[in-house]
Amino acid sequence: MGIAQKSEVFRKLFHLSGLIIHPLVLWLGPQAHLLWLVLLPGVTLVEGLRLRGRLPVLERFFGALMRPEEKKRPSGAFYYLWGVGLAFCLFPQSAALTGLWVLAVADGLAGLFGRDILHSVVFGVLSLGVVLLRGYPFSGELLAILLLWTLVERMPYLNDNFTLPLVVAWTLS
């Protein structure tokens, strides 16, 4: 087990920056769905152009935050925004906000602890803290839900930036 490299620390700080969505959604109120109707197609267009080499400025600006495999496939930020956006479009706002917080805080900070068992423990503890701070009651059912989230977060063939906010919002709905 090792603490993350400097580049991974910056990626996790970028993860946390997604929390700016919380006050934005609250400020927009009932019109928040319009944000996603504009943002998600825009993000898709920008990501497509980036992958085709048409936006080299993005590579220069965000290249240090990207993993090598993201140079040829959609980035974590693309999946992050789509997962969070769909959670807000499909589920109640409170559940979607919790999904955002679990993704930004629990998943983001757990990533600083590698990918072994400590990662899962940190993810579970932080997820529990997020859920309790968001006002959900502690219960045996909540512990089972946290275990499900941890399994989803650990699945190597799924992008947890996409699946995690959706699963969190779905299970809390």
N, C-alpha and C. Protein backbone atom coordinates (compact mmCIF):
# COMPACT_ATOMS: atom_id res chain seq x y z
N MET A 1 0.84 -1.17 0.00
CA MET A 1 0.00 0.00 0.00
C MET A 1 0.88 1.23 0.00
N GLY A 2 0.56 2.14 -0.84
CA GLY A 2 1.31 3.38 -0.87
C GLY A 2 0.38 4.55 -1.10
N ILE A 3 0.80 5.68 -0.59
CA ILE A 3 0.04 6.90 -0.84
C ILE A 3 0.24 7.27 -2.31
N ALA A 4 -0.76 7.88 -2.89
CA ALA A 4 -0.78 8.17 -4.32
C ALA A 4 0.35 9.09 -4.76
N GLN A 5 0.67 8.98 -6.04
CA GLN A 5 1.65 9.87 -6.64
C GLN A 5 1.07 11.27 -6.75
N LYS A 6 1.95 12.24 -6.98
CA LYS A 6 1.53 13.64 -7.08
C LYS A 6 0.45 13.84 -8.15
N SER A 7 0.60 13.22 -9.31
CA SER A 7 -0.39 13.39 -10.38
C SER A 7 -1.75 12.85 -9.95
N GLU A 8 -1.75 11.77 -9.17
CA GLU A 8 -3.02 11.20 -8.69
C GLU A 8 -3.66 12.12 -7.65
N VAL A 9 -2.87 12.79 -6.85
CA VAL A 9 -3.40 13.75 -5.88
C VAL A 9 -4.14 14.86 -6.62
N PHE A 10 -3.55 15.37 -7.71
CA PHE A 10 -4.21 16.42 -8.47
C PHE A 10 -5.50 15.91 -9.13
N ARG A 11 -5.49 14.65 -9.57
CA ARG A 11 -6.72 14.06 -10.13
C ARG A 11 -7.82 14.03 -9.07
N LYS A 12 -7.46 13.69 -7.85
CA LYS A 12 -8.46 13.60 -6.78
C LYS A 12 -8.95 14.97 -6.36
N LEU A 13 -8.09 15.98 -6.42
CA LEU A 13 -8.55 17.35 -6.17
C LEU A 13 -9.54 17.78 -7.26
N PHE A 14 -9.27 17.35 -8.49
CA PHE A 14 -10.20 17.62 -9.59
C PHE A 14 -11.53 16.91 -9.32
N HIS A 15 -11.46 15.68 -8.79
CA HIS A 15 -12.65 14.92 -8.40
C HIS A 15 -13.49 15.75 -7.43
N LEU A 16 -12.84 16.29 -6.42
CA LEU A 16 -13.54 17.09 -5.41
C LEU A 16 -14.15 18.36 -5.99
N SER A 17 -13.55 18.89 -7.05
CA SER A 17 -14.07 20.12 -7.65
C SER A 17 -15.47 19.93 -8.22
N GLY A 18 -15.86 18.69 -8.45
CA GLY A 18 -17.22 18.41 -8.93
C GLY A 18 -18.28 18.84 -7.95
N LEU A 19 -17.90 19.08 -6.71
CA LEU A 19 -18.87 19.53 -5.70
C LEU A 19 -19.45 20.90 -6.02
N ILE A 20 -18.85 21.64 -6.94
CA ILE A 20 -19.41 22.92 -7.37
C ILE A 20 -20.79 22.71 -7.99
N ILE A 21 -21.07 21.51 -8.44
CA ILE A 21 -22.38 21.19 -9.02
C ILE A 21 -23.47 21.33 -7.97
N HIS A 22 -23.18 21.03 -6.71
CA HIS A 22 -24.19 21.07 -5.64
C HIS A 22 -24.85 22.45 -5.54
N PRO A 23 -24.09 23.52 -5.27
CA PRO A 23 -24.77 24.83 -5.17
C PRO A 23 -25.38 25.28 -6.50
N LEU A 24 -24.78 24.87 -7.61
CA LEU A 24 -25.32 25.24 -8.91
C LEU A 24 -26.71 24.64 -9.11
N VAL A 25 -26.86 23.37 -8.76
CA VAL A 25 -28.16 22.70 -8.88
C VAL A 25 -29.19 23.35 -7.95
N LEU A 26 -28.78 23.66 -6.73
CA LEU A 26 -29.70 24.32 -5.80
C LEU A 26 -30.10 25.70 -6.30
N TRP A 27 -29.16 26.43 -6.85
CA TRP A 27 -29.42 27.77 -7.36
C TRP A 27 -30.38 27.73 -8.56
N LEU A 28 -30.20 26.73 -9.44
CA LEU A 28 -31.05 26.61 -10.62
C LEU A 28 -32.46 26.13 -10.28
N GLY A 29 -32.59 25.43 -9.16
CA GLY A 29 -33.91 24.95 -8.74
C GLY A 29 -34.54 24.03 -9.78
N PRO A 30 -35.81 24.24 -10.08
CA PRO A 30 -36.52 23.36 -11.02
C PRO A 30 -35.93 23.38 -12.44
N GLN A 31 -35.17 24.41 -12.77
CA GLN A 31 -34.57 24.49 -14.10
C GLN A 31 -33.23 23.74 -14.19
N ALA A 32 -32.85 23.03 -13.14
CA ALA A 32 -31.56 22.32 -13.15
C ALA A 32 -31.48 21.29 -14.26
N HIS A 33 -32.62 20.73 -14.68
CA HIS A 33 -32.58 19.76 -15.77
C HIS A 33 -32.07 20.40 -17.07
N LEU A 34 -32.31 21.70 -17.22
CA LEU A 34 -31.81 22.40 -18.41
C LEU A 34 -30.28 22.40 -18.44
N LEU A 35 -29.66 22.47 -17.27
CA LEU A 35 -28.20 22.39 -17.19
C LEU A 35 -27.70 21.12 -17.87
N TRP A 36 -28.34 20.01 -17.56
CA TRP A 36 -27.90 18.72 -18.10
C TRP A 36 -28.24 18.59 -19.57
N LEU A 37 -29.36 19.20 -20.00
CA LEU A 37 -29.72 19.16 -21.42
C LEU A 37 -28.71 19.90 -22.29
N VAL A 38 -28.04 20.88 -21.71
CA VAL A 38 -27.01 21.64 -22.42
C VAL A 38 -25.63 21.02 -22.18
N LEU A 39 -25.34 20.71 -20.91
CA LEU A 39 -24.00 20.28 -20.54
C LEU A 39 -23.63 18.91 -21.12
N LEU A 40 -24.52 17.94 -21.05
CA LEU A 40 -24.16 16.58 -21.48
C LEU A 40 -23.88 16.48 -22.98
N PRO A 41 -24.71 17.04 -23.85
CA PRO A 41 -24.32 17.02 -25.28
C PRO A 41 -23.04 17.83 -25.53
N GLY A 42 -22.87 18.93 -24.80
CA GLY A 42 -21.65 19.74 -24.96
C GLY A 42 -20.41 18.97 -24.55
N VAL A 43 -20.49 18.27 -23.43
CA VAL A 43 -19.35 17.46 -22.95
C VAL A 43 -19.04 16.35 -23.96
N THR A 44 -20.09 15.76 -24.52
CA THR A 44 -19.90 14.69 -25.51
C THR A 44 -19.21 15.23 -26.76
N LEU A 45 -19.64 16.39 -27.22
CA LEU A 45 -19.02 17.01 -28.39
C LEU A 45 -17.55 17.33 -28.12
N VAL A 46 -17.27 17.96 -26.99
CA VAL A 46 -15.89 18.32 -26.64
C VAL A 46 -15.01 17.07 -26.51
N GLU A 47 -15.54 16.04 -25.87
CA GLU A 47 -14.75 14.80 -25.70
C GLU A 47 -14.48 14.15 -27.05
N GLY A 48 -15.47 14.15 -27.93
CA GLY A 48 -15.27 13.59 -29.27
C GLY A 48 -14.21 14.36 -30.04
N LEU A 49 -14.26 15.68 -29.96
CA LEU A 49 -13.25 16.50 -30.63
C LEU A 49 -11.86 16.27 -30.02
N ARG A 50 -11.81 16.15 -28.70
CA ARG A 50 -10.53 15.89 -28.03
C ARG A 50 -9.92 14.57 -28.50
N LEU A 51 -10.75 13.54 -28.57
CA LEU A 51 -10.26 12.22 -28.98
C LEU A 51 -9.80 12.20 -30.43
N ARG A 52 -10.35 13.08 -31.25
CA ARG A 52 -9.94 13.18 -32.65
C ARG A 52 -8.77 14.14 -32.84
N GLY A 53 -8.23 14.69 -31.74
CA GLY A 53 -7.09 15.59 -31.82
C GLY A 53 -7.44 16.99 -32.25
N ARG A 54 -8.70 17.36 -32.19
CA ARG A 54 -9.15 18.68 -32.67
C ARG A 54 -9.09 19.76 -31.58
N LEU A 55 -8.81 19.38 -30.35
CA LEU A 55 -8.74 20.34 -29.25
C LEU A 55 -7.43 20.17 -28.47
N PRO A 56 -6.29 20.47 -29.11
CA PRO A 56 -5.01 20.28 -28.43
C PRO A 56 -4.86 21.13 -27.17
N VAL A 57 -5.61 22.22 -27.07
CA VAL A 57 -5.52 23.06 -25.88
C VAL A 57 -5.99 22.28 -24.64
N LEU A 58 -6.96 21.40 -24.80
CA LEU A 58 -7.40 20.57 -23.66
C LEU A 58 -6.30 19.63 -23.22
N GLU A 59 -5.61 19.07 -24.17
CA GLU A 59 -4.50 18.15 -23.86
C GLU A 59 -3.40 18.88 -23.11
N ARG A 60 -3.11 20.11 -23.54
CA ARG A 60 -2.07 20.87 -22.85
C ARG A 60 -2.51 21.28 -21.44
N PHE A 61 -3.77 21.65 -21.30
CA PHE A 61 -4.26 22.15 -20.01
C PHE A 61 -4.54 21.02 -19.02
N PHE A 62 -5.18 19.94 -19.50
CA PHE A 62 -5.59 18.85 -18.61
C PHE A 62 -4.76 17.59 -18.76
N GLY A 63 -3.79 17.59 -19.66
CA GLY A 63 -3.00 16.38 -19.92
C GLY A 63 -2.35 15.79 -18.69
N ALA A 64 -1.89 16.63 -17.78
CA ALA A 64 -1.23 16.14 -16.56
C ALA A 64 -2.21 15.41 -15.65
N LEU A 65 -3.50 15.71 -15.77
CA LEU A 65 -4.51 15.04 -14.94
C LEU A 65 -5.00 13.73 -15.54
N MET A 66 -4.66 13.50 -16.78
CA MET A 66 -5.17 12.32 -17.47
C MET A 66 -4.23 11.14 -17.32
N ARG A 67 -4.83 9.98 -17.18
CA ARG A 67 -4.05 8.74 -17.18
C ARG A 67 -3.68 8.43 -18.63
N PRO A 68 -2.60 7.68 -18.83
CA PRO A 68 -2.16 7.39 -20.21
C PRO A 68 -3.26 6.78 -21.08
N GLU A 69 -4.08 5.89 -20.53
CA GLU A 69 -5.12 5.24 -21.33
C GLU A 69 -6.25 6.20 -21.72
N GLU A 70 -6.35 7.33 -21.03
CA GLU A 70 -7.40 8.30 -21.36
C GLU A 70 -7.05 9.15 -22.58
N LYS A 71 -5.85 9.01 -23.07
CA LYS A 71 -5.46 9.75 -24.27
C LYS A 71 -6.20 9.20 -25.49
N LYS A 72 -6.60 7.92 -25.42
CA LYS A 72 -7.23 7.25 -26.57
C LYS A 72 -8.70 6.88 -26.32
N ARG A 73 -9.19 7.12 -25.12
CA ARG A 73 -10.59 6.79 -24.81
C ARG A 73 -11.18 7.90 -23.95
N PRO A 74 -12.50 7.87 -23.78
CA PRO A 74 -13.12 8.94 -22.98
C PRO A 74 -12.49 9.05 -21.58
N SER A 75 -12.39 10.27 -21.14
CA SER A 75 -11.74 10.56 -19.86
C SER A 75 -12.67 10.29 -18.68
N GLY A 76 -12.08 10.24 -17.50
CA GLY A 76 -12.87 10.08 -16.28
C GLY A 76 -13.84 11.24 -16.09
N ALA A 77 -13.45 12.45 -16.50
CA ALA A 77 -14.33 13.62 -16.38
C ALA A 77 -15.58 13.45 -17.24
N PHE A 78 -15.43 12.86 -18.41
CA PHE A 78 -16.58 12.59 -19.29
C PHE A 78 -17.57 11.66 -18.58
N TYR A 79 -17.06 10.55 -18.04
CA TYR A 79 -17.93 9.60 -17.33
C TYR A 79 -18.51 10.23 -16.06
N TYR A 80 -17.72 11.03 -15.38
CA TYR A 80 -18.15 11.71 -14.15
C TYR A 80 -19.38 12.57 -14.43
N LEU A 81 -19.27 13.43 -15.45
CA LEU A 81 -20.38 14.33 -15.75
C LEU A 81 -21.61 13.59 -16.26
N TRP A 82 -21.42 12.55 -17.06
CA TRP A 82 -22.56 11.77 -17.53
C TRP A 82 -23.23 11.01 -16.39
N GLY A 83 -22.45 10.41 -15.49
CA GLY A 83 -23.03 9.68 -14.36
C GLY A 83 -23.80 10.60 -13.44
N VAL A 84 -23.20 11.73 -13.09
CA VAL A 84 -23.86 12.70 -12.21
C VAL A 84 -25.08 13.30 -12.91
N GLY A 85 -24.92 13.68 -14.18
CA GLY A 85 -26.03 14.28 -14.91
C GLY A 85 -27.22 13.37 -15.03
N LEU A 86 -27.00 12.12 -15.37
CA LEU A 86 -28.10 11.16 -15.47
C LEU A 86 -28.74 10.92 -14.10
N ALA A 87 -27.93 10.89 -13.05
CA ALA A 87 -28.48 10.72 -11.70
C ALA A 87 -29.46 11.86 -11.38
N PHE A 88 -29.10 13.08 -11.74
CA PHE A 88 -30.00 14.21 -11.50
C PHE A 88 -31.24 14.16 -12.39
N CYS A 89 -31.10 13.64 -13.58
CA CYS A 89 -32.25 13.55 -14.49
C CYS A 89 -33.21 12.42 -14.13
N LEU A 90 -32.69 11.36 -13.54
CA LEU A 90 -33.51 10.16 -13.32
C LEU A 90 -34.01 9.99 -11.89
N PHE A 91 -33.37 10.63 -10.92
CA PHE A 91 -33.69 10.37 -9.52
C PHE A 91 -33.97 11.66 -8.77
N PRO A 92 -34.56 11.55 -7.58
CA PRO A 92 -34.82 12.75 -6.78
C PRO A 92 -33.52 13.50 -6.48
N GLN A 93 -33.65 14.81 -6.36
CA GLN A 93 -32.48 15.67 -6.16
C GLN A 93 -31.64 15.26 -4.95
N SER A 94 -32.27 14.95 -3.83
CA SER A 94 -31.52 14.58 -2.63
C SER A 94 -30.65 13.34 -2.85
N ALA A 95 -31.22 12.35 -3.52
CA ALA A 95 -30.47 11.12 -3.80
C ALA A 95 -29.34 11.40 -4.79
N ALA A 96 -29.60 12.23 -5.80
CA ALA A 96 -28.58 12.56 -6.79
C ALA A 96 -27.45 13.37 -6.15
N LEU A 97 -27.81 14.29 -5.26
CA LEU A 97 -26.77 15.05 -4.56
C LEU A 97 -25.90 14.13 -3.71
N THR A 98 -26.50 13.16 -3.08
CA THR A 98 -25.72 12.21 -2.29
C THR A 98 -24.80 11.40 -3.20
N GLY A 99 -25.30 11.02 -4.38
CA GLY A 99 -24.45 10.33 -5.35
C GLY A 99 -23.26 11.17 -5.77
N LEU A 100 -23.49 12.46 -5.96
CA LEU A 100 -22.41 13.38 -6.30
C LEU A 100 -21.38 13.42 -5.18
N TRP A 101 -21.84 13.55 -3.93
CA TRP A 101 -20.92 13.63 -2.79
C TRP A 101 -20.14 12.33 -2.59
N VAL A 102 -20.79 11.19 -2.76
CA VAL A 102 -20.08 9.91 -2.62
C VAL A 102 -19.00 9.81 -3.70
N LEU A 103 -19.34 10.20 -4.93
CA LEU A 103 -18.36 10.15 -6.01
C LEU A 103 -17.21 11.13 -5.76
N ALA A 104 -17.54 12.36 -5.41
CA ALA A 104 -16.51 13.40 -5.28
C ALA A 104 -15.63 13.17 -4.05
N VAL A 105 -16.25 12.84 -2.92
CA VAL A 105 -15.51 12.74 -1.66
C VAL A 105 -15.01 11.32 -1.40
N ALA A 106 -15.93 10.37 -1.30
CA ALA A 106 -15.54 9.01 -0.92
C ALA A 106 -14.67 8.35 -1.99
N ASP A 107 -15.13 8.38 -3.23
CA ASP A 107 -14.35 7.76 -4.30
C ASP A 107 -13.07 8.55 -4.55
N GLY A 108 -13.19 9.87 -4.54
CA GLY A 108 -12.01 10.70 -4.79
C GLY A 108 -10.91 10.48 -3.77
N LEU A 109 -11.26 10.57 -2.50
CA LEU A 109 -10.24 10.44 -1.46
C LEU A 109 -9.77 9.00 -1.27
N ALA A 110 -10.65 8.04 -1.46
CA ALA A 110 -10.23 6.63 -1.34
C ALA A 110 -9.16 6.29 -2.37
N GLY A 111 -9.24 6.95 -3.52
CA GLY A 111 -8.26 6.71 -4.57
C GLY A 111 -6.84 7.08 -4.19
N LEU A 112 -6.69 7.87 -3.14
CA LEU A 112 -5.35 8.22 -2.68
C LEU A 112 -4.68 7.07 -1.95
N PHE A 113 -5.42 6.00 -1.65
CA PHE A 113 -4.91 4.89 -0.86
C PHE A 113 -4.73 3.62 -1.68
N GLY A 114 -4.43 3.79 -2.98
CA GLY A 114 -4.18 2.63 -3.82
C GLY A 114 -5.45 1.91 -4.18
N ARG A 115 -5.32 0.60 -4.47
CA ARG A 115 -6.48 -0.19 -4.88
C ARG A 115 -6.63 -1.45 -4.04
N ASP A 116 -5.99 -1.50 -2.88
CA ASP A 116 -6.10 -2.69 -2.04
C ASP A 116 -7.25 -2.54 -1.04
N ILE A 117 -7.24 -3.34 0.01
CA ILE A 117 -8.34 -3.36 0.97
C ILE A 117 -8.51 -2.02 1.69
N LEU A 118 -7.41 -1.32 1.93
CA LEU A 118 -7.51 -0.02 2.60
C LEU A 118 -8.36 0.95 1.77
N HIS A 119 -8.23 0.87 0.47
CA HIS A 119 -9.05 1.70 -0.43
C HIS A 119 -10.53 1.46 -0.15
N SER A 120 -10.93 0.19 -0.08
CA SER A 120 -12.34 -0.14 0.16
C SER A 120 -12.81 0.31 1.54
N VAL A 121 -11.96 0.17 2.53
CA VAL A 121 -12.31 0.61 3.89
C VAL A 121 -12.51 2.12 3.92
N VAL A 122 -11.58 2.85 3.33
CA VAL A 122 -11.68 4.31 3.29
C VAL A 122 -12.94 4.72 2.52
N PHE A 123 -13.17 4.08 1.39
CA PHE A 123 -14.38 4.38 0.61
C PHE A 123 -15.64 4.14 1.43
N GLY A 124 -15.71 3.00 2.10
CA GLY A 124 -16.90 2.68 2.90
C GLY A 124 -17.12 3.65 4.05
N VAL A 125 -16.06 3.98 4.77
CA VAL A 125 -16.18 4.91 5.90
C VAL A 125 -16.59 6.30 5.42
N LEU A 126 -15.96 6.77 4.36
CA LEU A 126 -16.31 8.10 3.84
C LEU A 126 -17.73 8.11 3.27
N SER A 127 -18.13 7.04 2.60
CA SER A 127 -19.50 6.96 2.08
C SER A 127 -20.51 6.99 3.22
N LEU A 128 -20.22 6.25 4.28
CA LEU A 128 -21.10 6.27 5.45
C LEU A 128 -21.20 7.68 6.01
N GLY A 129 -20.07 8.35 6.14
CA GLY A 129 -20.08 9.72 6.64
C GLY A 129 -20.90 10.66 5.76
N VAL A 130 -20.74 10.54 4.46
CA VAL A 130 -21.51 11.37 3.52
C VAL A 130 -23.00 11.13 3.70
N VAL A 131 -23.39 9.87 3.74
CA VAL A 131 -24.82 9.53 3.84
C VAL A 131 -25.41 10.04 5.16
N LEU A 132 -24.68 9.86 6.24
CA LEU A 132 -25.19 10.33 7.54
C LEU A 132 -25.26 11.86 7.56
N LEU A 133 -24.27 12.53 7.02
CA LEU A 133 -24.29 14.00 6.97
C LEU A 133 -25.40 14.52 6.07
N ARG A 134 -25.79 13.74 5.08
CA ARG A 134 -26.88 14.13 4.19
C ARG A 134 -28.25 13.82 4.81
N GLY A 135 -28.25 13.26 6.03
CA GLY A 135 -29.50 13.09 6.76
C GLY A 135 -30.18 11.74 6.65
N TYR A 136 -29.51 10.78 6.04
CA TYR A 136 -30.09 9.43 5.97
C TYR A 136 -29.82 8.71 7.28
N PRO A 137 -30.78 7.94 7.78
CA PRO A 137 -30.59 7.26 9.07
C PRO A 137 -29.69 6.03 8.95
N PHE A 138 -28.96 5.76 10.03
CA PHE A 138 -28.12 4.56 10.09
C PHE A 138 -29.01 3.34 10.28
N SER A 139 -28.73 2.26 9.54
CA SER A 139 -29.51 1.03 9.67
C SER A 139 -28.71 -0.13 9.06
N GLY A 140 -29.20 -1.32 9.30
CA GLY A 140 -28.60 -2.49 8.68
C GLY A 140 -28.75 -2.44 7.17
N GLU A 141 -29.89 -1.92 6.72
CA GLU A 141 -30.11 -1.78 5.28
C GLU A 141 -29.08 -0.83 4.66
N LEU A 142 -28.77 0.25 5.38
CA LEU A 142 -27.76 1.19 4.89
C LEU A 142 -26.40 0.51 4.77
N LEU A 143 -26.04 -0.33 5.73
CA LEU A 143 -24.76 -1.05 5.65
C LEU A 143 -24.72 -1.97 4.43
N ALA A 144 -25.85 -2.63 4.12
CA ALA A 144 -25.92 -3.48 2.94
C ALA A 144 -25.77 -2.64 1.67
N ILE A 145 -26.40 -1.48 1.66
CA ILE A 145 -26.29 -0.57 0.51
C ILE A 145 -24.85 -0.11 0.34
N LEU A 146 -24.18 0.22 1.45
CA LEU A 146 -22.77 0.64 1.38
C LEU A 146 -21.89 -0.47 0.81
N LEU A 147 -22.18 -1.69 1.16
CA LEU A 147 -21.43 -2.83 0.61
C LEU A 147 -21.64 -2.91 -0.90
N LEU A 148 -22.88 -2.73 -1.35
CA LEU A 148 -23.16 -2.73 -2.78
C LEU A 148 -22.38 -1.63 -3.48
N TRP A 149 -22.38 -0.42 -2.91
CA TRP A 149 -21.64 0.68 -3.52
C TRP A 149 -20.15 0.36 -3.61
N THR A 150 -19.62 -0.27 -2.56
CA THR A 150 -18.20 -0.63 -2.55
C THR A 150 -17.90 -1.64 -3.65
N LEU A 151 -18.79 -2.60 -3.84
CA LEU A 151 -18.60 -3.59 -4.92
C LEU A 151 -18.65 -2.92 -6.28
N VAL A 152 -19.60 -2.02 -6.48
CA VAL A 152 -19.70 -1.30 -7.75
C VAL A 152 -18.45 -0.46 -7.99
N GLU A 153 -17.98 0.20 -6.95
CA GLU A 153 -16.80 1.05 -7.05
C GLU A 153 -15.56 0.23 -7.39
N ARG A 154 -15.51 -1.03 -6.97
CA ARG A 154 -14.34 -1.88 -7.19
C ARG A 154 -14.36 -2.66 -8.50
N MET A 155 -15.50 -2.70 -9.19
CA MET A 155 -15.59 -3.50 -10.43
C MET A 155 -14.64 -2.94 -11.49
N PRO A 156 -13.68 -3.74 -11.92
CA PRO A 156 -12.65 -3.23 -12.82
C PRO A 156 -13.15 -2.93 -14.23
N TYR A 157 -14.21 -3.55 -14.68
CA TYR A 157 -14.66 -3.37 -16.05
C TYR A 157 -15.74 -2.30 -16.19
N LEU A 158 -16.11 -1.65 -15.09
CA LEU A 158 -17.06 -0.54 -15.12
C LEU A 158 -16.33 0.74 -14.76
N ASN A 159 -16.77 1.84 -15.33
CA ASN A 159 -16.19 3.12 -14.93
C ASN A 159 -17.01 3.65 -13.76
N ASP A 160 -16.42 3.66 -12.58
CA ASP A 160 -17.17 4.04 -11.38
C ASP A 160 -17.58 5.51 -11.39
N ASN A 161 -16.91 6.34 -12.17
CA ASN A 161 -17.35 7.73 -12.28
C ASN A 161 -18.74 7.81 -12.90
N PHE A 162 -19.07 6.84 -13.74
CA PHE A 162 -20.40 6.78 -14.35
C PHE A 162 -21.38 6.02 -13.47
N THR A 163 -20.98 4.83 -13.03
CA THR A 163 -21.92 3.95 -12.33
C THR A 163 -22.22 4.37 -10.90
N LEU A 164 -21.24 4.90 -10.20
CA LEU A 164 -21.41 5.18 -8.77
C LEU A 164 -22.51 6.20 -8.47
N PRO A 165 -22.54 7.37 -9.12
CA PRO A 165 -23.63 8.30 -8.78
C PRO A 165 -25.00 7.74 -9.13
N LEU A 166 -25.07 6.93 -10.18
CA LEU A 166 -26.35 6.32 -10.56
C LEU A 166 -26.80 5.27 -9.55
N VAL A 167 -25.88 4.41 -9.13
CA VAL A 167 -26.22 3.37 -8.16
C VAL A 167 -26.58 3.98 -6.81
N VAL A 168 -25.83 4.99 -6.39
CA VAL A 168 -26.12 5.66 -5.11
C VAL A 168 -27.51 6.28 -5.16
N ALA A 169 -27.78 7.05 -6.22
CA ALA A 169 -29.09 7.71 -6.34
C ALA A 169 -30.22 6.69 -6.42
N TRP A 170 -29.99 5.61 -7.16
CA TRP A 170 -31.02 4.58 -7.32
C TRP A 170 -31.32 3.90 -5.98
N THR A 171 -30.28 3.52 -5.25
CA THR A 171 -30.51 2.79 -3.98
C THR A 171 -31.11 3.69 -2.90
N LEU A 172 -30.90 4.99 -3.00
CA LEU A 172 -31.46 5.90 -2.00
C LEU A 172 -32.85 6.41 -2.39
N SER A 173 -33.28 6.08 -3.59
CA SER A 173 -34.59 6.57 -4.08
C SER A 173 -35.72 5.67 -3.60
